[in-house]
Amino acid sequence: MAHKISTDCISCGACASTCPVEAIAEGTPYVVDAATCTDCGACEGACPVGAISAE
């Protein structure tokens, strides 16, 4: 199961810089590559607006 970034994303990049497998790509909103995501949850804790959740 991968994480998902909602439209509440403010594109700050905090999630991408904490992802240990580089599964998050820049965009508006940022996007998680489900095939690469290991479901570690690091991004969820790094998001300042709570825009990331388990899918």
PDB file of N, CA and C in Angstrom:
ATOM      1  N   MET A   1       0.847  -1.184   0.000  1.00  0.00           N
ATOM      2  CA  MET A   1       0.000   0.000   0.000  1.00  0.00           C
ATOM      3  C   MET A   1       0.888   1.242   0.000  1.00  0.00           C
ATOM      4  N   ALA A   2       0.630   2.156  -0.881  1.00  0.00           N
ATOM      5  CA  ALA A   2       1.408   3.395  -0.984  1.00  0.00           C
ATOM      6  C   ALA A   2       0.683   4.533  -0.281  1.00  0.00           C
ATOM      7  N   HIS A   3       1.369   5.630  -0.122  1.00  0.00           N
ATOM      8  CA  HIS A   3       0.755   6.823   0.422  1.00  0.00           C
ATOM      9  C   HIS A   3       0.249   7.686  -0.731  1.00  0.00           C
ATOM     10  N   LYS A   4      -0.678   8.582  -0.425  1.00  0.00           N
ATOM     11  CA  LYS A   4      -1.275   9.444  -1.432  1.00  0.00           C
ATOM     12  C   LYS A   4      -1.210  10.884  -0.940  1.00  0.00           C
ATOM     13  N   ILE A   5      -0.943  11.800  -1.855  1.00  0.00           N
ATOM     14  CA  ILE A   5      -0.885  13.217  -1.525  1.00  0.00           C
ATOM     15  C   ILE A   5      -2.142  13.883  -2.068  1.00  0.00           C
ATOM     16  N   SER A   6      -2.874  14.552  -1.183  1.00  0.00           N
ATOM     17  CA  SER A   6      -4.136  15.183  -1.577  1.00  0.00           C
ATOM     18  C   SER A   6      -3.911  16.562  -2.184  1.00  0.00           C
ATOM     19  N   THR A   7      -4.982  17.167  -2.635  1.00  0.00           N
ATOM     20  CA  THR A   7      -4.917  18.503  -3.223  1.00  0.00           C
ATOM     21  C   THR A   7      -4.648  19.576  -2.171  1.00  0.00           C
ATOM     22  N   ASP A   8      -4.584  19.203  -0.908  1.00  0.00           N
ATOM     23  CA  ASP A   8      -4.224  20.146   0.150  1.00  0.00           C
ATOM     24  C   ASP A   8      -2.728  20.452   0.123  1.00  0.00           C
ATOM     25  N   CYS A   9      -1.979  19.708  -0.692  1.00  0.00           N
ATOM     26  CA  CYS A   9      -0.534  19.875  -0.824  1.00  0.00           C
ATOM     27  C   CYS A   9      -0.192  21.320  -1.211  1.00  0.00           C
ATOM     28  N   ILE A  10       0.802  21.896  -0.518  1.00  0.00           N
ATOM     29  CA  ILE A  10       1.242  23.260  -0.825  1.00  0.00           C
ATOM     30  C   ILE A  10       2.550  23.256  -1.623  1.00  0.00           C
ATOM     31  N   SER A  11       2.975  22.087  -2.090  1.00  0.00           N
ATOM     32  CA  SER A  11       4.175  21.918  -2.924  1.00  0.00           C
ATOM     33  C   SER A  11       5.435  22.490  -2.281  1.00  0.00           C
ATOM     34  N   CYS A  12       5.598  22.246  -0.983  1.00  0.00           N
ATOM     35  CA  CYS A  12       6.765  22.765  -0.266  1.00  0.00           C
ATOM     36  C   CYS A  12       7.995  21.877  -0.422  1.00  0.00           C
ATOM     37  N   GLY A  13       7.788  20.584  -0.740  1.00  0.00           N
ATOM     38  CA  GLY A  13       8.901  19.668  -0.954  1.00  0.00           C
ATOM     39  C   GLY A  13       9.393  18.952   0.288  1.00  0.00           C
ATOM     40  N   ALA A  14       8.797  19.210   1.428  1.00  0.00           N
ATOM     41  CA  ALA A  14       9.237  18.557   2.671  1.00  0.00           C
ATOM     42  C   ALA A  14       9.121  17.042   2.576  1.00  0.00           C
ATOM     43  N   CYS A  15       8.094  16.564   1.941  1.00  0.00           N
ATOM     44  CA  CYS A  15       7.883  15.117   1.817  1.00  0.00           C
ATOM     45  C   CYS A  15       8.948  14.477   0.938  1.00  0.00           C
ATOM     46  N   ALA A  16       9.236  15.105  -0.176  1.00  0.00           N
ATOM     47  CA  ALA A  16      10.205  14.546  -1.128  1.00  0.00           C
ATOM     48  C   ALA A  16      11.595  14.442  -0.515  1.00  0.00           C
ATOM     49  N   SER A  17      11.956  15.410   0.298  1.00  0.00           N
ATOM     50  CA  SER A  17      13.292  15.390   0.890  1.00  0.00           C
ATOM     51  C   SER A  17      13.422  14.354   1.999  1.00  0.00           C
ATOM     52  N   THR A  18      12.309  13.850   2.528  1.00  0.00           N
ATOM     53  CA  THR A  18      12.371  12.839   3.586  1.00  0.00           C
ATOM     54  C   THR A  18      12.158  11.423   3.078  1.00  0.00           C
ATOM     55  N   CYS A  19      11.763  11.270   1.827  1.00  0.00           N
ATOM     56  CA  CYS A  19      11.489   9.937   1.283  1.00  0.00           C
ATOM     57  C   CYS A  19      12.798   9.170   1.056  1.00  0.00           C
ATOM     58  N   PRO A  20      12.980   8.039   1.745  1.00  0.00           N
ATOM     59  CA  PRO A  20      14.232   7.294   1.615  1.00  0.00           C
ATOM     60  C   PRO A  20      14.405   6.564   0.281  1.00  0.00           C
ATOM     61  N   VAL A  21      13.331   6.390  -0.470  1.00  0.00           N
ATOM     62  CA  VAL A  21      13.427   5.690  -1.758  1.00  0.00           C
ATOM     63  C   VAL A  21      13.117   6.596  -2.954  1.00  0.00           C
ATOM     64  N   GLU A  22      13.046   7.885  -2.697  1.00  0.00           N
ATOM     65  CA  GLU A  22      12.791   8.885  -3.741  1.00  0.00           C
ATOM     66  C   GLU A  22      11.563   8.562  -4.582  1.00  0.00           C
ATOM     67  N   ALA A  23      10.465   8.229  -3.894  1.00  0.00           N
ATOM     68  CA  ALA A  23       9.221   7.864  -4.574  1.00  0.00           C
ATOM     69  C   ALA A  23       8.305   9.048  -4.827  1.00  0.00           C
ATOM     70  N   ILE A  24       8.715  10.243  -4.428  1.00  0.00           N
ATOM     71  CA  ILE A  24       7.856  11.416  -4.558  1.00  0.00           C
ATOM     72  C   ILE A  24       8.404  12.354  -5.623  1.00  0.00           C
ATOM     73  N   ALA A  25       7.537  12.706  -6.573  1.00  0.00           N
ATOM     74  CA  ALA A  25       7.922  13.584  -7.675  1.00  0.00           C
ATOM     75  C   ALA A  25       7.286  14.954  -7.504  1.00  0.00           C
ATOM     76  N   GLU A  26       8.013  15.975  -7.938  1.00  0.00           N
ATOM     77  CA  GLU A  26       7.539  17.347  -7.851  1.00  0.00           C
ATOM     78  C   GLU A  26       6.336  17.555  -8.752  1.00  0.00           C
ATOM     79  N   GLY A  27       5.405  18.347  -8.268  1.00  0.00           N
ATOM     80  CA  GLY A  27       4.204  18.663  -9.020  1.00  0.00           C
ATOM     81  C   GLY A  27       3.277  19.495  -8.171  1.00  0.00           C
ATOM     82  N   THR A  28       2.103  19.748  -8.668  1.00  0.00           N
ATOM     83  CA  THR A  28       1.098  20.484  -7.901  1.00  0.00           C
ATOM     84  C   THR A  28      -0.193  19.699  -7.952  1.00  0.00           C
ATOM     85  N   PRO A  29      -0.512  18.832  -7.016  1.00  0.00           N
ATOM     86  CA  PRO A  29       0.322  18.510  -5.854  1.00  0.00           C
ATOM     87  C   PRO A  29       1.452  17.546  -6.219  1.00  0.00           C
ATOM     88  N   TYR A  30       2.363  17.361  -5.269  1.00  0.00           N
ATOM     89  CA  TYR A  30       3.417  16.362  -5.449  1.00  0.00           C
ATOM     90  C   TYR A  30       2.750  14.999  -5.636  1.00  0.00           C
ATOM     91  N   VAL A  31       3.460  14.041  -6.227  1.00  0.00           N
ATOM     92  CA  VAL A  31       2.886  12.738  -6.547  1.00  0.00           C
ATOM     93  C   VAL A  31       3.764  11.618  -6.007  1.00  0.00           C
ATOM     94  N   VAL A  32       3.140  10.592  -5.417  1.00  0.00           N
ATOM     95  CA  VAL A  32       3.857   9.421  -4.916  1.00  0.00           C
ATOM     96  C   VAL A  32       3.792   8.319  -5.971  1.00  0.00           C
ATOM     97  N   ASP A  33       4.936   7.766  -6.324  1.00  0.00           N
ATOM     98  CA  ASP A  33       5.001   6.634  -7.244  1.00  0.00           C
ATOM     99  C   ASP A  33       4.693   5.378  -6.433  1.00  0.00           C
ATOM    100  N   ALA A  34       3.511   4.833  -6.596  1.00  0.00           N
ATOM    101  CA  ALA A  34       3.059   3.686  -5.805  1.00  0.00           C
ATOM    102  C   ALA A  34       3.946   2.463  -5.977  1.00  0.00           C
ATOM    103  N   ALA A  35       4.559   2.319  -7.130  1.00  0.00           N
ATOM    104  CA  ALA A  35       5.419   1.160  -7.378  1.00  0.00           C
ATOM    105  C   ALA A  35       6.734   1.251  -6.606  1.00  0.00           C
ATOM    106  N   THR A  36       7.156   2.451  -6.284  1.00  0.00           N
ATOM    107  CA  THR A  36       8.421   2.661  -5.580  1.00  0.00           C
ATOM    108  C   THR A  36       8.226   2.826  -4.076  1.00  0.00           C
ATOM    109  N   CYS A  37       7.103   3.365  -3.669  1.00  0.00           N
ATOM    110  CA  CYS A  37       6.808   3.641  -2.257  1.00  0.00           C
ATOM    111  C   CYS A  37       6.868   2.360  -1.423  1.00  0.00           C
ATOM    112  N   THR A  38       7.562   2.432  -0.284  1.00  0.00           N
ATOM    113  CA  THR A  38       7.673   1.284   0.620  1.00  0.00           C
ATOM    114  C   THR A  38       6.742   1.407   1.817  1.00  0.00           C
ATOM    115  N   ASP A  39       5.890   2.420   1.821  1.00  0.00           N
ATOM    116  CA  ASP A  39       4.895   2.635   2.883  1.00  0.00           C
ATOM    117  C   ASP A  39       5.550   2.858   4.248  1.00  0.00           C
ATOM    118  N   CYS A  40       6.686   3.552   4.268  1.00  0.00           N
ATOM    119  CA  CYS A  40       7.388   3.785   5.530  1.00  0.00           C
ATOM    120  C   CYS A  40       6.733   4.876   6.361  1.00  0.00           C
ATOM    121  N   GLY A  41       6.018   5.814   5.722  1.00  0.00           N
ATOM    122  CA  GLY A  41       5.321   6.868   6.435  1.00  0.00           C
ATOM    123  C   GLY A  41       6.148   8.104   6.735  1.00  0.00           C
ATOM    124  N   ALA A  42       7.395   8.147   6.315  1.00  0.00           N
ATOM    125  CA  ALA A  42       8.248   9.309   6.578  1.00  0.00           C
ATOM    126  C   ALA A  42       7.644  10.581   5.994  1.00  0.00           C
ATOM    127  N   CYS A  43       7.086  10.483   4.814  1.00  0.00           N
ATOM    128  CA  CYS A  43       6.502  11.650   4.156  1.00  0.00           C
ATOM    129  C   CYS A  43       5.293  12.188   4.912  1.00  0.00           C
ATOM    130  N   GLU A  44       4.505  11.280   5.435  1.00  0.00           N
ATOM    131  CA  GLU A  44       3.292  11.672   6.156  1.00  0.00           C
ATOM    132  C   GLU A  44       3.643  12.547   7.362  1.00  0.00           C
ATOM    133  N   GLY A  45       4.667  12.162   8.088  1.00  0.00           N
ATOM    134  CA  GLY A  45       5.089  12.938   9.249  1.00  0.00           C
ATOM    135  C   GLY A  45       5.762  14.249   8.892  1.00  0.00           C
ATOM    136  N   ALA A  46       6.317  14.341   7.696  1.00  0.00           N
ATOM    137  CA  ALA A  46       7.030  15.547   7.275  1.00  0.00           C
ATOM    138  C   ALA A  46       6.111  16.629   6.711  1.00  0.00           C
ATOM    139  N   CYS A  47       4.914  16.250   6.298  1.00  0.00           N
ATOM    140  CA  CYS A  47       4.005  17.209   5.656  1.00  0.00           C
ATOM    141  C   CYS A  47       3.454  18.207   6.674  1.00  0.00           C
ATOM    142  N   PRO A  48       3.714  19.512   6.454  1.00  0.00           N
ATOM    143  CA  PRO A  48       3.257  20.527   7.408  1.00  0.00           C
ATOM    144  C   PRO A  48       1.749  20.796   7.375  1.00  0.00           C
ATOM    145  N   VAL A  49       1.064  20.341   6.320  1.00  0.00           N
ATOM    146  CA  VAL A  49      -0.367  20.599   6.218  1.00  0.00           C
ATOM    147  C   VAL A  49      -1.202  19.325   6.276  1.00  0.00           C
ATOM    148  N   GLY A  50      -0.572  18.192   6.551  1.00  0.00           N
ATOM    149  CA  GLY A  50      -1.316  16.936   6.669  1.00  0.00           C
ATOM    150  C   GLY A  50      -1.954  16.456   5.386  1.00  0.00           C
ATOM    151  N   ALA A  51      -1.307  16.707   4.259  1.00  0.00           N
ATOM    152  CA  ALA A  51      -1.877  16.357   2.962  1.00  0.00           C
ATOM    153  C   ALA A  51      -1.571  14.932   2.516  1.00  0.00           C
ATOM    154  N   ILE A  52      -0.834  14.174   3.332  1.00  0.00           N
ATOM    155  CA  ILE A  52      -0.431  12.831   2.936  1.00  0.00           C
ATOM    156  C   ILE A  52      -1.069  11.793   3.861  1.00  0.00           C
ATOM    157  N   SER A  53      -1.612  10.746   3.247  1.00  0.00           N
ATOM    158  CA  SER A  53      -2.225   9.673   4.029  1.00  0.00           C
ATOM    159  C   SER A  53      -2.004   8.339   3.333  1.00  0.00           C
ATOM    160  N   ALA A  54      -2.187   7.271   4.085  1.00  0.00           N
ATOM    161  CA  ALA A  54      -2.074   5.929   3.504  1.00  0.00           C
ATOM    162  C   ALA A  54      -3.223   5.738   2.542  1.00  0.00           C
ATOM    163  N   GLU A  55      -2.940   5.114   1.422  1.00  0.00           N
ATOM    164  CA  GLU A  55      -3.958   4.903   0.398  1.00  0.00           C
ATOM    165  C   GLU A  55      -4.825   3.725   0.728  1.00  0.00           C
TER     166      GLU A  55
END
